Amino acid sequence: HRRWEGQRFVRHVAAEATVVMDGAAAVRNVGIDEATDGAADVRVVSAPAGAHVRRTAEGLRLAMMVSGDAVLNAGSSSAPMTTGDTALLPSGAPVTWECIDTCEWVEVTVASTGNR
């Protein structure tokens, strides 16, 4: 990230980003966590068809399907997710994504610990 007159700017280039494997999923950190001192985080998650990807995060999460089809399981609830669909997930709740085909989604997390 860069600073300009007190503002922080993040430029994310997917081809240059560090990818960390989390089971079958490839997780890309966009850099928002560093730029906001942990107040928010953005991750791009990609997984192949047939993958079951378990994700948990502290803080309120918004997930948006960028491509593909999946079933999102949270507790006893499940919902089909397709390109453009969004879901709001409570802090700390583990969710499982069942990828029907190759899929990619963005997770935006807002920290649940006070004001920053």
N, C-alpha and C. Protein backbone atom coordinates (compact mmCIF):
# COMPACT_ATOMS: atom_id res chain seq x y z
N HIS A 1 0.84 -1.18 0.00
CA HIS A 1 0.00 0.00 0.00
C HIS A 1 0.88 1.24 0.00
N ARG A 2 0.28 2.35 -0.41
CA ARG A 2 1.01 3.62 -0.42
C ARG A 2 0.21 4.66 0.34
N ARG A 3 0.92 5.64 0.88
CA ARG A 3 0.27 6.75 1.57
C ARG A 3 0.40 8.02 0.72
N TRP A 4 -0.65 8.82 0.75
CA TRP A 4 -0.64 10.10 0.07
C TRP A 4 -1.51 11.05 0.87
N GLU A 5 -0.92 12.07 1.45
CA GLU A 5 -1.62 13.05 2.27
C GLU A 5 -2.51 12.38 3.33
N GLY A 6 -1.95 11.39 4.01
CA GLY A 6 -2.67 10.71 5.08
C GLY A 6 -3.59 9.59 4.63
N GLN A 7 -3.84 9.46 3.35
CA GLN A 7 -4.69 8.40 2.81
C GLN A 7 -3.84 7.19 2.45
N ARG A 8 -4.41 6.01 2.59
CA ARG A 8 -3.71 4.79 2.20
C ARG A 8 -4.38 4.24 0.94
N PHE A 9 -3.57 3.84 -0.02
CA PHE A 9 -4.07 3.29 -1.26
C PHE A 9 -3.49 1.90 -1.45
N VAL A 10 -4.32 0.99 -1.94
CA VAL A 10 -3.89 -0.38 -2.20
C VAL A 10 -4.06 -0.66 -3.69
N ARG A 11 -3.02 -1.16 -4.30
CA ARG A 11 -3.09 -1.58 -5.70
C ARG A 11 -2.83 -3.08 -5.70
N HIS A 12 -3.83 -3.84 -6.10
CA HIS A 12 -3.72 -5.29 -6.10
C HIS A 12 -3.62 -5.79 -7.53
N VAL A 13 -2.57 -6.54 -7.83
CA VAL A 13 -2.40 -7.16 -9.14
C VAL A 13 -2.43 -8.66 -8.90
N ALA A 14 -3.52 -9.28 -9.34
CA ALA A 14 -3.74 -10.70 -9.05
C ALA A 14 -2.57 -11.58 -9.49
N ALA A 15 -2.01 -11.31 -10.66
CA ALA A 15 -0.92 -12.14 -11.18
C ALA A 15 0.35 -12.04 -10.33
N GLU A 16 0.49 -10.96 -9.56
CA GLU A 16 1.68 -10.77 -8.74
C GLU A 16 1.44 -11.10 -7.26
N ALA A 17 0.23 -11.45 -6.90
CA ALA A 17 -0.13 -11.66 -5.50
C ALA A 17 0.39 -13.00 -4.98
N THR A 18 0.64 -13.04 -3.69
CA THR A 18 1.02 -14.28 -3.03
C THR A 18 -0.23 -15.11 -2.81
N VAL A 19 -0.15 -16.38 -3.20
CA VAL A 19 -1.28 -17.30 -3.04
C VAL A 19 -0.89 -18.33 -1.98
N VAL A 20 -1.79 -18.52 -1.02
CA VAL A 20 -1.57 -19.50 0.04
C VAL A 20 -2.64 -20.59 -0.12
N MET A 21 -2.21 -21.84 -0.08
CA MET A 21 -3.16 -22.94 -0.19
C MET A 21 -3.77 -23.21 1.18
N ASP A 22 -5.08 -23.35 1.21
CA ASP A 22 -5.84 -23.69 2.41
C ASP A 22 -6.66 -24.91 2.04
N GLY A 23 -6.07 -26.10 2.22
CA GLY A 23 -6.72 -27.31 1.72
C GLY A 23 -6.73 -27.26 0.20
N ALA A 24 -7.91 -27.44 -0.39
CA ALA A 24 -8.05 -27.41 -1.85
C ALA A 24 -8.16 -25.99 -2.40
N ALA A 25 -8.29 -25.01 -1.52
CA ALA A 25 -8.53 -23.63 -1.95
C ALA A 25 -7.23 -22.82 -2.04
N ALA A 26 -7.18 -21.97 -3.06
CA ALA A 26 -6.09 -21.00 -3.20
C ALA A 26 -6.61 -19.67 -2.68
N VAL A 27 -5.93 -19.09 -1.70
CA VAL A 27 -6.39 -17.86 -1.05
C VAL A 27 -5.39 -16.74 -1.34
N ARG A 28 -5.91 -15.64 -1.88
CA ARG A 28 -5.10 -14.48 -2.24
C ARG A 28 -5.45 -13.32 -1.31
N ASN A 29 -4.44 -12.77 -0.65
CA ASN A 29 -4.64 -11.61 0.22
C ASN A 29 -4.50 -10.36 -0.63
N VAL A 30 -5.52 -9.50 -0.60
CA VAL A 30 -5.54 -8.30 -1.44
C VAL A 30 -4.71 -7.17 -0.84
N GLY A 31 -4.43 -7.20 0.47
CA GLY A 31 -3.61 -6.18 1.11
C GLY A 31 -4.37 -5.15 1.91
N ILE A 32 -5.67 -5.30 1.99
CA ILE A 32 -6.49 -4.34 2.74
C ILE A 32 -6.21 -4.44 4.23
N ASP A 33 -5.93 -5.64 4.74
CA ASP A 33 -5.65 -5.79 6.18
C ASP A 33 -4.46 -4.95 6.61
N GLU A 34 -3.41 -4.95 5.83
CA GLU A 34 -2.23 -4.15 6.17
C GLU A 34 -2.54 -2.65 6.05
N ALA A 35 -3.26 -2.28 5.01
CA ALA A 35 -3.56 -0.85 4.79
C ALA A 35 -4.51 -0.28 5.83
N THR A 36 -5.33 -1.14 6.46
CA THR A 36 -6.30 -0.67 7.47
C THR A 36 -5.89 -1.03 8.89
N ASP A 37 -4.64 -1.48 9.07
CA ASP A 37 -4.16 -1.92 10.38
C ASP A 37 -5.07 -2.98 11.00
N GLY A 38 -5.59 -3.87 10.16
CA GLY A 38 -6.40 -4.97 10.64
C GLY A 38 -7.88 -4.67 10.84
N ALA A 39 -8.33 -3.47 10.53
CA ALA A 39 -9.75 -3.12 10.70
C ALA A 39 -10.63 -3.84 9.68
N ALA A 40 -10.07 -4.16 8.53
CA ALA A 40 -10.81 -4.86 7.48
C ALA A 40 -9.85 -5.77 6.74
N ASP A 41 -10.39 -6.74 6.02
CA ASP A 41 -9.57 -7.68 5.27
C ASP A 41 -10.35 -8.09 4.03
N VAL A 42 -9.64 -8.31 2.94
CA VAL A 42 -10.25 -8.81 1.71
C VAL A 42 -9.39 -9.95 1.20
N ARG A 43 -10.04 -11.08 0.96
CA ARG A 43 -9.36 -12.27 0.42
C ARG A 43 -10.15 -12.76 -0.78
N VAL A 44 -9.43 -13.26 -1.79
CA VAL A 44 -10.06 -13.89 -2.95
C VAL A 44 -9.76 -15.37 -2.84
N VAL A 45 -10.80 -16.19 -2.86
CA VAL A 45 -10.66 -17.63 -2.67
C VAL A 45 -11.08 -18.34 -3.95
N SER A 46 -10.23 -19.24 -4.44
CA SER A 46 -10.54 -20.03 -5.64
C SER A 46 -10.45 -21.50 -5.27
N ALA A 47 -11.38 -22.29 -5.82
CA ALA A 47 -11.37 -23.73 -5.53
C ALA A 47 -11.89 -24.50 -6.74
N PRO A 48 -11.39 -25.73 -6.91
CA PRO A 48 -11.82 -26.53 -8.06
C PRO A 48 -13.18 -27.18 -7.83
N ALA A 49 -13.77 -27.65 -8.90
CA ALA A 49 -15.03 -28.38 -8.82
C ALA A 49 -14.89 -29.56 -7.87
N GLY A 50 -15.90 -29.78 -7.06
CA GLY A 50 -15.90 -30.89 -6.12
C GLY A 50 -15.26 -30.59 -4.78
N ALA A 51 -14.61 -29.45 -4.65
CA ALA A 51 -13.94 -29.10 -3.40
C ALA A 51 -14.95 -28.71 -2.32
N HIS A 52 -14.62 -29.06 -1.08
CA HIS A 52 -15.37 -28.62 0.09
C HIS A 52 -14.41 -27.75 0.88
N VAL A 53 -14.69 -26.45 0.93
CA VAL A 53 -13.77 -25.48 1.53
C VAL A 53 -14.38 -24.92 2.79
N ARG A 54 -13.71 -25.13 3.92
CA ARG A 54 -14.19 -24.61 5.21
C ARG A 54 -13.47 -23.31 5.51
N ARG A 55 -14.24 -22.26 5.83
CA ARG A 55 -13.67 -20.94 6.13
C ARG A 55 -14.27 -20.42 7.43
N THR A 56 -13.45 -19.80 8.25
CA THR A 56 -13.88 -19.16 9.49
C THR A 56 -13.10 -17.86 9.63
N ALA A 57 -13.75 -16.82 10.11
CA ALA A 57 -13.05 -15.54 10.35
C ALA A 57 -13.72 -14.82 11.49
N GLU A 58 -12.92 -14.09 12.25
CA GLU A 58 -13.47 -13.24 13.29
C GLU A 58 -13.87 -11.92 12.65
N GLY A 59 -15.04 -11.46 12.94
CA GLY A 59 -15.56 -10.23 12.34
C GLY A 59 -16.69 -10.54 11.39
N LEU A 60 -17.46 -9.55 11.10
CA LEU A 60 -18.58 -9.68 10.16
C LEU A 60 -18.02 -9.89 8.76
N ARG A 61 -18.57 -10.86 8.02
CA ARG A 61 -18.06 -11.18 6.69
C ARG A 61 -19.13 -11.03 5.62
N LEU A 62 -18.71 -10.49 4.49
CA LEU A 62 -19.54 -10.44 3.31
C LEU A 62 -18.83 -11.29 2.27
N ALA A 63 -19.54 -12.23 1.68
CA ALA A 63 -18.96 -13.08 0.64
C ALA A 63 -19.71 -12.85 -0.65
N MET A 64 -18.98 -12.72 -1.75
CA MET A 64 -19.60 -12.53 -3.06
C MET A 64 -18.99 -13.50 -4.06
N MET A 65 -19.85 -14.24 -4.75
CA MET A 65 -19.39 -15.17 -5.78
C MET A 65 -18.96 -14.39 -7.01
N VAL A 66 -17.72 -14.59 -7.42
CA VAL A 66 -17.20 -13.93 -8.60
C VAL A 66 -17.46 -14.80 -9.83
N SER A 67 -17.29 -16.11 -9.66
CA SER A 67 -17.55 -17.03 -10.76
C SER A 67 -17.86 -18.41 -10.22
N GLY A 68 -18.61 -19.17 -11.00
CA GLY A 68 -18.91 -20.54 -10.65
C GLY A 68 -20.18 -20.71 -9.84
N ASP A 69 -20.43 -21.94 -9.43
CA ASP A 69 -21.61 -22.30 -8.63
C ASP A 69 -21.16 -23.11 -7.43
N ALA A 70 -21.79 -22.86 -6.29
CA ALA A 70 -21.45 -23.57 -5.06
C ALA A 70 -22.68 -23.60 -4.16
N VAL A 71 -22.60 -24.43 -3.14
CA VAL A 71 -23.60 -24.44 -2.07
C VAL A 71 -22.86 -23.96 -0.83
N LEU A 72 -23.41 -22.94 -0.19
CA LEU A 72 -22.83 -22.38 1.02
C LEU A 72 -23.57 -22.96 2.22
N ASN A 73 -22.84 -23.65 3.10
CA ASN A 73 -23.42 -24.26 4.29
C ASN A 73 -22.94 -23.49 5.52
N ALA A 74 -23.89 -23.02 6.32
CA ALA A 74 -23.57 -22.30 7.56
C ALA A 74 -24.49 -22.85 8.63
N GLY A 75 -23.93 -23.60 9.57
CA GLY A 75 -24.75 -24.23 10.59
C GLY A 75 -25.72 -25.21 9.94
N SER A 76 -27.01 -25.06 10.25
CA SER A 76 -28.02 -25.95 9.67
C SER A 76 -28.65 -25.38 8.41
N SER A 77 -28.14 -24.24 7.95
CA SER A 77 -28.69 -23.60 6.75
C SER A 77 -27.75 -23.80 5.57
N SER A 78 -28.34 -23.88 4.38
CA SER A 78 -27.53 -23.93 3.17
C SER A 78 -28.21 -23.09 2.09
N ALA A 79 -27.40 -22.56 1.19
CA ALA A 79 -27.93 -21.72 0.12
C ALA A 79 -27.12 -21.92 -1.14
N PRO A 80 -27.79 -22.05 -2.28
CA PRO A 80 -27.04 -22.10 -3.53
C PRO A 80 -26.45 -20.73 -3.83
N MET A 81 -25.23 -20.71 -4.32
CA MET A 81 -24.54 -19.47 -4.67
C MET A 81 -24.08 -19.56 -6.11
N THR A 82 -24.34 -18.52 -6.87
CA THR A 82 -23.90 -18.45 -8.26
C THR A 82 -23.29 -17.08 -8.50
N THR A 83 -22.68 -16.89 -9.64
CA THR A 83 -22.00 -15.64 -9.96
C THR A 83 -22.88 -14.43 -9.63
N GLY A 84 -22.32 -13.51 -8.82
CA GLY A 84 -23.03 -12.29 -8.44
C GLY A 84 -23.79 -12.38 -7.13
N ASP A 85 -23.99 -13.59 -6.60
CA ASP A 85 -24.70 -13.74 -5.33
C ASP A 85 -23.81 -13.30 -4.17
N THR A 86 -24.44 -12.78 -3.11
CA THR A 86 -23.72 -12.38 -1.91
C THR A 86 -24.35 -13.00 -0.68
N ALA A 87 -23.57 -13.14 0.36
CA ALA A 87 -24.07 -13.66 1.64
C ALA A 87 -23.37 -12.91 2.76
N LEU A 88 -24.12 -12.60 3.80
CA LEU A 88 -23.58 -11.96 5.00
C LEU A 88 -23.43 -13.03 6.06
N LEU A 89 -22.22 -13.19 6.60
CA LEU A 89 -21.91 -14.27 7.53
C LEU A 89 -21.49 -13.70 8.88
N PRO A 90 -22.03 -14.24 9.97
CA PRO A 90 -21.69 -13.72 11.30
C PRO A 90 -20.26 -14.06 11.71
N SER A 91 -19.74 -13.25 12.60
CA SER A 91 -18.39 -13.42 13.11
C SER A 91 -18.19 -14.79 13.74
N GLY A 92 -17.09 -15.43 13.39
CA GLY A 92 -16.72 -16.69 14.01
C GLY A 92 -17.47 -17.91 13.53
N ALA A 93 -18.49 -17.72 12.71
CA ALA A 93 -19.29 -18.86 12.24
C ALA A 93 -18.54 -19.60 11.14
N PRO A 94 -18.24 -20.89 11.35
CA PRO A 94 -17.59 -21.64 10.28
C PRO A 94 -18.59 -21.90 9.16
N VAL A 95 -18.13 -21.77 7.94
CA VAL A 95 -18.97 -22.06 6.78
C VAL A 95 -18.21 -23.02 5.88
N THR A 96 -18.96 -23.79 5.10
CA THR A 96 -18.35 -24.69 4.13
C THR A 96 -18.93 -24.38 2.76
N TRP A 97 -18.03 -24.20 1.82
CA TRP A 97 -18.41 -23.98 0.43
C TRP A 97 -18.25 -25.31 -0.30
N GLU A 98 -19.32 -25.82 -0.92
CA GLU A 98 -19.26 -27.02 -1.74
C GLU A 98 -19.27 -26.55 -3.20
N CYS A 99 -18.13 -26.61 -3.83
CA CYS A 99 -18.01 -26.11 -5.20
C CYS A 99 -18.58 -27.11 -6.20
N ILE A 100 -19.60 -26.68 -6.91
CA ILE A 100 -20.22 -27.53 -7.93
C ILE A 100 -19.32 -27.55 -9.17
N ASP A 101 -18.80 -26.41 -9.54
CA ASP A 101 -17.77 -26.33 -10.57
C ASP A 101 -16.68 -25.41 -10.04
N THR A 102 -15.65 -25.18 -10.82
CA THR A 102 -14.58 -24.30 -10.37
C THR A 102 -15.19 -22.97 -9.98
N CYS A 103 -14.87 -22.49 -8.79
CA CYS A 103 -15.51 -21.26 -8.33
C CYS A 103 -14.49 -20.33 -7.66
N GLU A 104 -14.89 -19.06 -7.62
CA GLU A 104 -14.08 -18.04 -6.98
C GLU A 104 -15.01 -17.08 -6.28
N TRP A 105 -14.64 -16.69 -5.05
CA TRP A 105 -15.44 -15.72 -4.32
C TRP A 105 -14.52 -14.77 -3.57
N VAL A 106 -15.08 -13.61 -3.23
CA VAL A 106 -14.36 -12.59 -2.47
C VAL A 106 -14.95 -12.56 -1.07
N GLU A 107 -14.09 -12.56 -0.06
CA GLU A 107 -14.52 -12.44 1.32
C GLU A 107 -14.03 -11.10 1.86
N VAL A 108 -14.96 -10.28 2.33
CA VAL A 108 -14.64 -9.00 2.97
C VAL A 108 -14.98 -9.16 4.45
N THR A 109 -14.00 -8.97 5.31
CA THR A 109 -14.21 -9.11 6.75
C THR A 109 -13.95 -7.79 7.44
N VAL A 110 -14.86 -7.41 8.32
CA VAL A 110 -14.70 -6.20 9.12
C VAL A 110 -14.46 -6.65 10.55
N ALA A 111 -13.38 -6.19 11.15
CA ALA A 111 -13.00 -6.60 12.51
C ALA A 111 -14.11 -6.30 13.50
N SER A 112 -14.24 -7.17 14.46
CA SER A 112 -15.30 -7.00 15.46
C SER A 112 -14.79 -6.40 16.76
N THR A 113 -13.58 -5.88 16.76
CA THR A 113 -13.00 -5.35 17.98
C THR A 113 -12.94 -3.82 17.95
N GLY A 114 -13.96 -3.18 18.43
CA GLY A 114 -13.98 -1.72 18.64
C GLY A 114 -13.66 -0.88 17.42
N ASN A 115 -13.42 0.39 17.66
CA ASN A 115 -13.08 1.32 16.60
C ASN A 115 -11.58 1.36 16.42
N ARG A 116 -11.13 1.50 15.20
CA ARG A 116 -9.69 1.57 14.91
C ARG A 116 -9.36 2.92 14.38
